[in-house]
Amino acid sequence: DRNVRRLERALTQRNAAGDPVIIEADPEVVAL
């Protein structure tokens, strides 16, 4: 849980710095 929270804070900081982390959608899911 601490590691996940730490990862969340890191992602939040990158987003705030203008360097967002993007999770790409699966093309097969999009097609479906």
Full PDB file with SEQRES, HELIX, SHEET, SSBOND, CRYST1, ORIGX, SCALE, CONECT and MASTER records, all heavy atoms in Angstrom:
SEQRES   1 A   32  ASP ARG ASN VAL ARG ARG LEU GLU ARG ALA LEU THR GLN          
SEQRES   2 A   32  ARG ASN ALA ALA GLY ASP PRO VAL ILE ILE GLU ALA ASP          
SEQRES   3 A   32  PRO GLU VAL VAL ALA LEU                                      
HELIX    1 AA1 ARG A    2  ALA A   16  1                                  15    
HELIX    2 AA2 PRO A   27  ALA A   31  1                                   5    
CRYST1    1.000    1.000    1.000  90.00  90.00  90.00 P 1           1          
ORIGX1      1.000000  0.000000  0.000000        0.00000                         
ORIGX2      0.000000  1.000000  0.000000        0.00000                         
ORIGX3      0.000000  0.000000  1.000000        0.00000                         
SCALE1      1.000000  0.000000  0.000000        0.00000                         
SCALE2      0.000000  1.000000  0.000000        0.00000                         
SCALE3      0.000000  0.000000  1.000000        0.00000                         
ATOM      1  N   ASP A   1       0.837  -1.197   0.000  1.00  0.00           N  
ATOM      2  CA  ASP A   1       0.000   0.000   0.000  1.00  0.00           C  
ATOM      3  C   ASP A   1       0.875   1.251   0.000  1.00  0.00           C  
ATOM      4  O   ASP A   1       0.590   2.220  -0.714  1.00  0.00           O  
ATOM      5  CB  ASP A   1      -0.913  -0.027   1.231  1.00  0.00           C  
ATOM      6  CG  ASP A   1      -1.838   1.177   1.264  1.00  0.00           C  
ATOM      7  OD1 ASP A   1      -2.715   1.279   0.367  1.00  0.00           O  
ATOM      8  OD2 ASP A   1      -1.687   2.006   2.165  1.00  0.00           O  
ATOM      9  N   ARG A   2       1.997   1.241   0.812  1.00  0.00           N  
ATOM     10  CA  ARG A   2       2.901   2.393   0.827  1.00  0.00           C  
ATOM     11  C   ARG A   2       3.545   2.592  -0.545  1.00  0.00           C  
ATOM     12  O   ARG A   2       3.660   3.728  -1.031  1.00  0.00           O  
ATOM     13  CB  ARG A   2       3.988   2.189   1.896  1.00  0.00           C  
ATOM     14  CG  ARG A   2       3.477   2.348   3.335  1.00  0.00           C  
ATOM     15  CD  ARG A   2       4.656   2.578   4.282  1.00  0.00           C  
ATOM     16  NE  ARG A   2       5.621   1.489   4.213  1.00  0.00           N  
ATOM     17  CZ  ARG A   2       5.579   0.379   4.949  1.00  0.00           C  
ATOM     18  NH1 ARG A   2       4.602   0.219   5.838  1.00  0.00           N  
ATOM     19  NH2 ARG A   2       6.511  -0.551   4.829  1.00  0.00           N  
ATOM     20  N   ASN A   3       3.930   1.470  -1.180  1.00  0.00           N  
ATOM     21  CA  ASN A   3       4.553   1.588  -2.495  1.00  0.00           C  
ATOM     22  C   ASN A   3       3.578   2.152  -3.533  1.00  0.00           C  
ATOM     23  O   ASN A   3       3.933   2.968  -4.380  1.00  0.00           O  
ATOM     24  CB  ASN A   3       5.067   0.223  -2.961  1.00  0.00           C  
ATOM     25  CG  ASN A   3       6.255  -0.247  -2.140  1.00  0.00           C  
ATOM     26  OD1 ASN A   3       6.966   0.581  -1.533  1.00  0.00           O  
ATOM     27  ND2 ASN A   3       6.476  -1.561  -2.096  1.00  0.00           N  
ATOM     28  N   VAL A   4       2.346   1.687  -3.449  1.00  0.00           N  
ATOM     29  CA  VAL A   4       1.345   2.212  -4.388  1.00  0.00           C  
ATOM     30  C   VAL A   4       1.127   3.690  -4.159  1.00  0.00           C  
ATOM     31  O   VAL A   4       1.029   4.481  -5.112  1.00  0.00           O  
ATOM     32  CB  VAL A   4       0.027   1.422  -4.249  1.00  0.00           C  
ATOM     33  CG1 VAL A   4      -1.092   2.102  -5.029  1.00  0.00           C  
ATOM     34  CG2 VAL A   4       0.201  -0.013  -4.733  1.00  0.00           C  
ATOM     35  N   ARG A   5       1.060   4.112  -2.894  1.00  0.00           N  
ATOM     36  CA  ARG A   5       0.887   5.531  -2.597  1.00  0.00           C  
ATOM     37  C   ARG A   5       2.075   6.333  -3.102  1.00  0.00           C  
ATOM     38  O   ARG A   5       1.915   7.457  -3.623  1.00  0.00           O  
ATOM     39  CB  ARG A   5       0.687   5.742  -1.098  1.00  0.00           C  
ATOM     40  CG  ARG A   5      -0.621   5.160  -0.561  1.00  0.00           C  
ATOM     41  CD  ARG A   5      -0.741   5.400   0.937  1.00  0.00           C  
ATOM     42  NE  ARG A   5      -1.961   4.791   1.462  1.00  0.00           N  
ATOM     43  CZ  ARG A   5      -3.158   5.372   1.416  1.00  0.00           C  
ATOM     44  NH1 ARG A   5      -3.266   6.586   0.876  1.00  0.00           N  
ATOM     45  NH2 ARG A   5      -4.225   4.760   1.905  1.00  0.00           N  
ATOM     46  N   ARG A   6       3.288   5.745  -2.933  1.00  0.00           N  
ATOM     47  CA  ARG A   6       4.489   6.420  -3.415  1.00  0.00           C  
ATOM     48  C   ARG A   6       4.444   6.574  -4.939  1.00  0.00           C  
ATOM     49  O   ARG A   6       4.800   7.617  -5.495  1.00  0.00           O  
ATOM     50  CB  ARG A   6       5.729   5.618  -2.984  1.00  0.00           C  
ATOM     51  CG  ARG A   6       7.042   6.374  -3.188  1.00  0.00           C  
ATOM     52  CD  ARG A   6       8.221   5.558  -2.673  1.00  0.00           C  
ATOM     53  NE  ARG A   6       8.122   5.338  -1.232  1.00  0.00           N  
ATOM     54  CZ  ARG A   6       7.980   4.167  -0.665  1.00  0.00           C  
ATOM     55  NH1 ARG A   6       7.917   3.064  -1.415  1.00  0.00           N  
ATOM     56  NH2 ARG A   6       7.908   4.050   0.645  1.00  0.00           N  
ATOM     57  N   LEU A   7       3.973   5.524  -5.596  1.00  0.00           N  
ATOM     58  CA  LEU A   7       3.848   5.596  -7.055  1.00  0.00           C  
ATOM     59  C   LEU A   7       2.806   6.626  -7.455  1.00  0.00           C  
ATOM     60  O   LEU A   7       2.991   7.381  -8.422  1.00  0.00           O  
ATOM     61  CB  LEU A   7       3.449   4.220  -7.604  1.00  0.00           C  
ATOM     62  CG  LEU A   7       3.256   4.121  -9.130  1.00  0.00           C  
ATOM     63  CD1 LEU A   7       4.528   4.529  -9.851  1.00  0.00           C  
ATOM     64  CD2 LEU A   7       2.849   2.703  -9.519  1.00  0.00           C  
ATOM     65  N   GLU A   8       1.736   6.703  -6.734  1.00  0.00           N  
ATOM     66  CA  GLU A   8       0.727   7.709  -7.015  1.00  0.00           C  
ATOM     67  C   GLU A   8       1.299   9.112  -6.895  1.00  0.00           C  
ATOM     68  O   GLU A   8       1.026   9.988  -7.736  1.00  0.00           O  
ATOM     69  CB  GLU A   8      -0.469   7.543  -6.077  1.00  0.00           C  
ATOM     70  CG  GLU A   8      -1.305   6.305  -6.338  1.00  0.00           C  
ATOM     71  CD  GLU A   8      -2.445   6.176  -5.341  1.00  0.00           C  
ATOM     72  OE1 GLU A   8      -2.440   6.934  -4.331  1.00  0.00           O  
ATOM     73  OE2 GLU A   8      -3.331   5.320  -5.559  1.00  0.00           O  
ATOM     74  N   ARG A   9       2.099   9.370  -5.816  1.00  0.00           N  
ATOM     75  CA  ARG A   9       2.686  10.689  -5.653  1.00  0.00           C  
ATOM     76  C   ARG A   9       3.646  11.006  -6.787  1.00  0.00           C  
ATOM     77  O   ARG A   9       3.688  12.142  -7.292  1.00  0.00           O  
ATOM     78  CB  ARG A   9       3.418  10.759  -4.296  1.00  0.00           C  
ATOM     79  CG  ARG A   9       2.478  10.809  -3.091  1.00  0.00           C  
ATOM     80  CD  ARG A   9       3.219  11.233  -1.833  1.00  0.00           C  
ATOM     81  NE  ARG A   9       4.244  10.247  -1.468  1.00  0.00           N  
ATOM     82  CZ  ARG A   9       4.001   9.201  -0.672  1.00  0.00           C  
ATOM     83  NH1 ARG A   9       2.762   9.001  -0.176  1.00  0.00           N  
ATOM     84  NH2 ARG A   9       4.962   8.353  -0.385  1.00  0.00           N  
ATOM     85  N   ALA A  10       4.411   9.981  -7.221  1.00  0.00           N  
ATOM     86  CA  ALA A  10       5.348  10.202  -8.334  1.00  0.00           C  
ATOM     87  C   ALA A  10       4.606  10.550  -9.619  1.00  0.00           C  
ATOM     88  O   ALA A  10       4.999  11.451 -10.362  1.00  0.00           O  
ATOM     89  CB  ALA A  10       6.213   8.952  -8.536  1.00  0.00           C  
ATOM     90  N   LEU A  11       3.528   9.835  -9.861  1.00  0.00           N  
ATOM     91  CA  LEU A  11       2.753  10.130 -11.057  1.00  0.00           C  
ATOM     92  C   LEU A  11       2.133  11.520 -10.988  1.00  0.00           C  
ATOM     93  O   LEU A  11       2.087  12.250 -11.981  1.00  0.00           O  
ATOM     94  CB  LEU A  11       1.659   9.076 -11.231  1.00  0.00           C  
ATOM     95  CG  LEU A  11       2.138   7.664 -11.566  1.00  0.00           C  
ATOM     96  CD1 LEU A  11       0.951   6.713 -11.624  1.00  0.00           C  
ATOM     97  CD2 LEU A  11       2.895   7.650 -12.890  1.00  0.00           C  
ATOM     98  N   THR A  12       1.676  11.883  -9.771  1.00  0.00           N  
ATOM     99  CA  THR A  12       1.086  13.214  -9.601  1.00  0.00           C  
ATOM    100  C   THR A  12       2.117  14.300  -9.847  1.00  0.00           C  
ATOM    101  O   THR A  12       1.846  15.324 -10.475  1.00  0.00           O  
ATOM    102  CB  THR A  12       0.493  13.344  -8.196  1.00  0.00           C  
ATOM    103  OG1 THR A  12      -0.491  12.323  -7.993  1.00  0.00           O  
ATOM    104  CG2 THR A  12      -0.161  14.699  -7.992  1.00  0.00           C  
ATOM    105  N   GLN A  13       3.333  14.102  -9.340  1.00  0.00           N  
ATOM    106  CA  GLN A  13       4.397  15.086  -9.545  1.00  0.00           C  
ATOM    107  C   GLN A  13       4.745  15.228 -11.030  1.00  0.00           C  
ATOM    108  O   GLN A  13       4.939  16.337 -11.534  1.00  0.00           O  
ATOM    109  CB  GLN A  13       5.637  14.686  -8.733  1.00  0.00           C  
ATOM    110  CG  GLN A  13       5.431  14.793  -7.229  1.00  0.00           C  
ATOM    111  CD  GLN A  13       6.592  14.212  -6.445  1.00  0.00           C  
ATOM    112  OE1 GLN A  13       7.571  13.733  -7.041  1.00  0.00           O  
ATOM    113  NE2 GLN A  13       6.489  14.251  -5.122  1.00  0.00           N  
ATOM    114  N   ARG A  14       4.826  14.098 -11.740  1.00  0.00           N  
ATOM    115  CA  ARG A  14       5.140  14.180 -13.169  1.00  0.00           C  
ATOM    116  C   ARG A  14       4.014  14.885 -13.941  1.00  0.00           C  
ATOM    117  O   ARG A  14       4.276  15.653 -14.873  1.00  0.00           O  
ATOM    118  CB  ARG A  14       5.361  12.787 -13.737  1.00  0.00           C  
ATOM    119  CG  ARG A  14       6.702  12.184 -13.319  1.00  0.00           C  
ATOM    120  CD  ARG A  14       6.918  10.847 -14.001  1.00  0.00           C  
ATOM    121  NE  ARG A  14       8.223  10.295 -13.672  1.00  0.00           N  
ATOM    122  CZ  ARG A  14       9.356  10.595 -14.305  1.00  0.00           C  
ATOM    123  NH1 ARG A  14       9.303  11.458 -15.310  1.00  0.00           N  
ATOM    124  NH2 ARG A  14      10.495  10.068 -13.956  1.00  0.00           N  
ATOM    125  N   ASN A  15       2.810  14.602 -13.560  1.00  0.00           N  
ATOM    126  CA  ASN A  15       1.697  15.286 -14.218  1.00  0.00           C  
ATOM    127  C   ASN A  15       1.767  16.784 -13.974  1.00  0.00           C  
ATOM    128  O   ASN A  15       1.541  17.590 -14.884  1.00  0.00           O  
ATOM    129  CB  ASN A  15       0.360  14.752 -13.717  1.00  0.00           C  
ATOM    130  CG  ASN A  15       0.077  13.349 -14.242  1.00  0.00           C  
ATOM    131  OD1 ASN A  15       0.584  12.969 -15.284  1.00  0.00           O  
ATOM    132  ND2 ASN A  15      -0.718  12.597 -13.498  1.00  0.00           N  
ATOM    133  N   ALA A  16       2.070  17.169 -12.716  1.00  0.00           N  
ATOM    134  CA  ALA A  16       2.153  18.586 -12.385  1.00  0.00           C  
ATOM    135  C   ALA A  16       3.325  19.255 -13.100  1.00  0.00           C  
ATOM    136  O   ALA A  16       3.260  20.442 -13.436  1.00  0.00           O  
ATOM    137  CB  ALA A  16       2.293  18.759 -10.873  1.00  0.00           C  
ATOM    138  N   ALA A  17       4.387  18.502 -13.380  1.00  0.00           N  
ATOM    139  CA  ALA A  17       5.569  19.060 -14.059  1.00  0.00           C  
ATOM    140  C   ALA A  17       5.395  19.104 -15.567  1.00  0.00           C  
ATOM    141  O   ALA A  17       6.324  19.486 -16.285  1.00  0.00           O  
ATOM    142  CB  ALA A  17       6.801  18.238 -13.685  1.00  0.00           C  
ATOM    143  N   GLY A  18       4.251  18.707 -16.059  1.00  0.00           N  
ATOM    144  CA  GLY A  18       4.024  18.725 -17.507  1.00  0.00           C  
ATOM    145  C   GLY A  18       4.610  17.543 -18.227  1.00  0.00           C  
ATOM    146  O   GLY A  18       4.771  17.581 -19.458  1.00  0.00           O  
ATOM    147  N   ASP A  19       4.926  16.499 -17.525  1.00  0.00           N  
ATOM    148  CA  ASP A  19       5.499  15.292 -18.140  1.00  0.00           C  
ATOM    149  C   ASP A  19       4.616  14.106 -17.739  1.00  0.00           C  
ATOM    150  O   ASP A  19       5.010  13.256 -16.950  1.00  0.00           O  
ATOM    151  CB  ASP A  19       6.922  15.108 -17.641  1.00  0.00           C  
ATOM    152  CG  ASP A  19       7.647  14.031 -18.439  1.00  0.00           C  
ATOM    153  OD1 ASP A  19       7.134  13.662 -19.530  1.00  0.00           O  
ATOM    154  OD2 ASP A  19       8.706  13.554 -17.988  1.00  0.00           O  
ATOM    155  N   PRO A  20       3.368  14.053 -18.310  1.00  0.00           N  
ATOM    156  CA  PRO A  20       2.401  13.052 -17.820  1.00  0.00           C  
ATOM    157  C   PRO A  20       2.758  11.634 -18.228  1.00  0.00           C  
ATOM    158  O   PRO A  20       3.418  11.392 -19.226  1.00  0.00           O  
ATOM    159  CB  PRO A  20       1.093  13.497 -18.485  1.00  0.00           C  
ATOM    160  CG  PRO A  20       1.532  14.165 -19.747  1.00  0.00           C  
ATOM    161  CD  PRO A  20       2.822  14.866 -19.405  1.00  0.00           C  
ATOM    162  N   VAL A  21       2.279  10.717 -17.409  1.00  0.00           N  
ATOM    163  CA  VAL A  21       2.391   9.293 -17.710  1.00  0.00           C  
ATOM    164  C   VAL A  21       1.066   8.842 -18.327  1.00  0.00           C  
ATOM    165  O   VAL A  21       0.010   9.058 -17.744  1.00  0.00           O  
ATOM    166  CB  VAL A  21       2.686   8.483 -16.439  1.00  0.00           C  
ATOM    167  CG1 VAL A  21       2.707   6.987 -16.752  1.00  0.00           C  
ATOM    168  CG2 VAL A  21       4.023   8.925 -15.856  1.00  0.00           C  
ATOM    169  N   ILE A  22       1.138   8.273 -19.500  1.00  0.00           N  
ATOM    170  CA  ILE A  22      -0.058   7.893 -20.249  1.00  0.00           C  
ATOM    171  C   ILE A  22      -0.140   6.371 -20.332  1.00  0.00           C  
ATOM    172  O   ILE A  22       0.846   5.709 -20.647  1.00  0.00           O  
ATOM    173  CB  ILE A  22      -0.041   8.500 -21.666  1.00  0.00           C  
ATOM    174  CG1 ILE A  22       0.115  10.018 -21.586  1.00  0.00           C  
ATOM    175  CG2 ILE A  22      -1.315   8.141 -22.403  1.00  0.00           C  
ATOM    176  CD1 ILE A  22      -0.950  10.703 -20.784  1.00  0.00           C  
ATOM    177  N   ILE A  23      -1.303   5.846 -20.042  1.00  0.00           N  
ATOM    178  CA  ILE A  23      -1.560   4.415 -20.221  1.00  0.00           C  
ATOM    179  C   ILE A  23      -2.343   4.248 -21.503  1.00  0.00           C  
ATOM    180  O   ILE A  23      -3.456   4.743 -21.637  1.00  0.00           O  
ATOM    181  CB  ILE A  23      -2.356   3.839 -19.032  1.00  0.00           C  
ATOM    182  CG1 ILE A  23      -1.576   4.029 -17.741  1.00  0.00           C  
ATOM    183  CG2 ILE A  23      -2.680   2.369 -19.270  1.00  0.00           C  
ATOM    184  CD1 ILE A  23      -2.321   3.559 -16.512  1.00  0.00           C  
ATOM    185  N   GLU A  24      -1.739   3.614 -22.485  1.00  0.00           N  
ATOM    186  CA  GLU A  24      -2.379   3.438 -23.785  1.00  0.00           C  
ATOM    187  C   GLU A  24      -3.498   2.396 -23.694  1.00  0.00           C  
ATOM    188  O   GLU A  24      -3.343   1.377 -23.050  1.00  0.00           O  
ATOM    189  CB  GLU A  24      -1.362   3.009 -24.841  1.00  0.00           C  
ATOM    190  CG  GLU A  24      -0.345   4.088 -25.166  1.00  0.00           C  
ATOM    191  CD  GLU A  24       0.579   3.648 -26.277  1.00  0.00           C  
ATOM    192  OE1 GLU A  24       0.582   2.439 -26.595  1.00  0.00           O  
ATOM    193  OE2 GLU A  24       1.276   4.500 -26.840  1.00  0.00           O  
ATOM    194  N   ALA A  25      -4.602   2.700 -24.391  1.00  0.00           N  
ATOM    195  CA  ALA A  25      -5.696   1.732 -24.462  1.00  0.00           C  
ATOM    196  C   ALA A  25      -5.328   0.596 -25.406  1.00  0.00           C  
ATOM    197  O   ALA A  25      -4.648   0.794 -26.410  1.00  0.00           O  
ATOM    198  CB  ALA A  25      -6.956   2.427 -24.952  1.00  0.00           C  
ATOM    199  N   ASP A  26      -5.800  -0.601 -25.092  1.00  0.00           N  
ATOM    200  CA  ASP A  26      -5.544  -1.757 -25.943  1.00  0.00           C  
ATOM    201  C   ASP A  26      -6.319  -1.601 -27.251  1.00  0.00           C  
ATOM    202  O   ASP A  26      -7.544  -1.431 -27.241  1.00  0.00           O  
ATOM    203  CB  ASP A  26      -6.010  -3.017 -25.206  1.00  0.00           C  
ATOM    204  CG  ASP A  26      -5.549  -4.280 -25.926  1.00  0.00           C  
ATOM    205  OD1 ASP A  26      -5.241  -4.187 -27.135  1.00  0.00           O  
ATOM    206  OD2 ASP A  26      -5.522  -5.333 -25.270  1.00  0.00           O  
ATOM    207  N   PRO A  27      -5.641  -1.648 -28.406  1.00  0.00           N  
ATOM    208  CA  PRO A  27      -6.367  -1.499 -29.684  1.00  0.00           C  
ATOM    209  C   PRO A  27      -7.482  -2.519 -29.855  1.00  0.00           C  
ATOM    210  O   PRO A  27      -8.520  -2.208 -30.426  1.00  0.00           O  
ATOM    211  CB  PRO A  27      -5.257  -1.684 -30.739  1.00  0.00           C  
ATOM    212  CG  PRO A  27      -3.994  -1.339 -30.022  1.00  0.00           C  
ATOM    213  CD  PRO A  27      -4.192  -1.790 -28.614  1.00  0.00           C  
ATOM    214  N   GLU A  28      -7.252  -3.736 -29.384  1.00  0.00           N  
ATOM    215  CA  GLU A  28      -8.301  -4.744 -29.512  1.00  0.00           C  
ATOM    216  C   GLU A  28      -9.531  -4.375 -28.688  1.00  0.00           C  
ATOM    217  O   GLU A  28     -10.667  -4.585 -29.110  1.00  0.00           O  
ATOM    218  CB  GLU A  28      -7.766  -6.106 -29.083  1.00  0.00           C  
ATOM    219  CG  GLU A  28      -6.679  -6.655 -30.000  1.00  0.00           C  
ATOM    220  CD  GLU A  28      -6.240  -8.037 -29.576  1.00  0.00           C  
ATOM    221  OE1 GLU A  28      -6.785  -8.525 -28.571  1.00  0.00           O  
ATOM    222  OE2 GLU A  28      -5.384  -8.625 -30.257  1.00  0.00           O  
ATOM    223  N   VAL A  29      -9.286  -3.794 -27.496  1.00  0.00           N  
ATOM    224  CA  VAL A  29     -10.409  -3.365 -26.658  1.00  0.00           C  
ATOM    225  C   VAL A  29     -11.165  -2.222 -27.324  1.00  0.00           C  
ATOM    226  O   VAL A  29     -12.394  -2.176 -27.339  1.00  0.00           O  
ATOM    227  CB  VAL A  29      -9.913  -2.947 -25.262  1.00  0.00           C  
ATOM    228  CG1 VAL A  29     -11.067  -2.367 -24.430  1.00  0.00           C  
ATOM    229  CG2 VAL A  29      -9.306  -4.148 -24.543  1.00  0.00           C  
ATOM    230  N   VAL A  30     -10.395  -1.283 -27.918  1.00  0.00           N  
ATOM    231  CA  VAL A  30     -11.032  -0.163 -28.612  1.00  0.00           C  
ATOM    232  C   VAL A  30     -11.891  -0.662 -29.762  1.00  0.00           C  
ATOM    233  O   VAL A  30     -13.037  -0.237 -29.971  1.00  0.00           O  
ATOM    234  CB  VAL A  30      -9.965   0.822 -29.121  1.00  0.00           C  
ATOM    235  CG1 VAL A  30     -10.619   1.908 -29.975  1.00  0.00           C  
ATOM    236  CG2 VAL A  30      -9.229   1.457 -27.942  1.00  0.00           C  
ATOM    237  N   ALA A  31     -11.312  -1.613 -30.553  1.00  0.00           N  
ATOM    238  CA  ALA A  31     -12.067  -2.164 -31.682  1.00  0.00           C  
ATOM    239  C   ALA A  31     -13.316  -2.902 -31.185  1.00  0.00           C  
ATOM    240  O   ALA A  31     -14.398  -2.804 -31.778  1.00  0.00           O  
ATOM    241  CB  ALA A  31     -11.174  -3.105 -32.497  1.00  0.00           C  
ATOM    242  N   LEU A  32     -13.162  -3.640 -30.087  1.00  0.00           N  
ATOM    243  CA  LEU A  32     -14.299  -4.367 -29.534  1.00  0.00           C  
ATOM    244  C   LEU A  32     -15.383  -3.417 -29.052  1.00  0.00           C  
ATOM    245  O   LEU A  32     -16.575  -3.647 -29.267  1.00  0.00           O  
ATOM    246  CB  LEU A  32     -13.834  -5.266 -28.385  1.00  0.00           C  
ATOM    247  CG  LEU A  32     -14.915  -6.121 -27.711  1.00  0.00           C  
ATOM    248  CD1 LEU A  32     -15.567  -7.037 -28.731  1.00  0.00           C  
ATOM    249  CD2 LEU A  32     -14.325  -6.911 -26.562  1.00  0.00           C  
TER     250      LEU A  32                                                      
MASTER        0    0    0    2    0    0    0    6  249    1    0    3          
END                                                                             
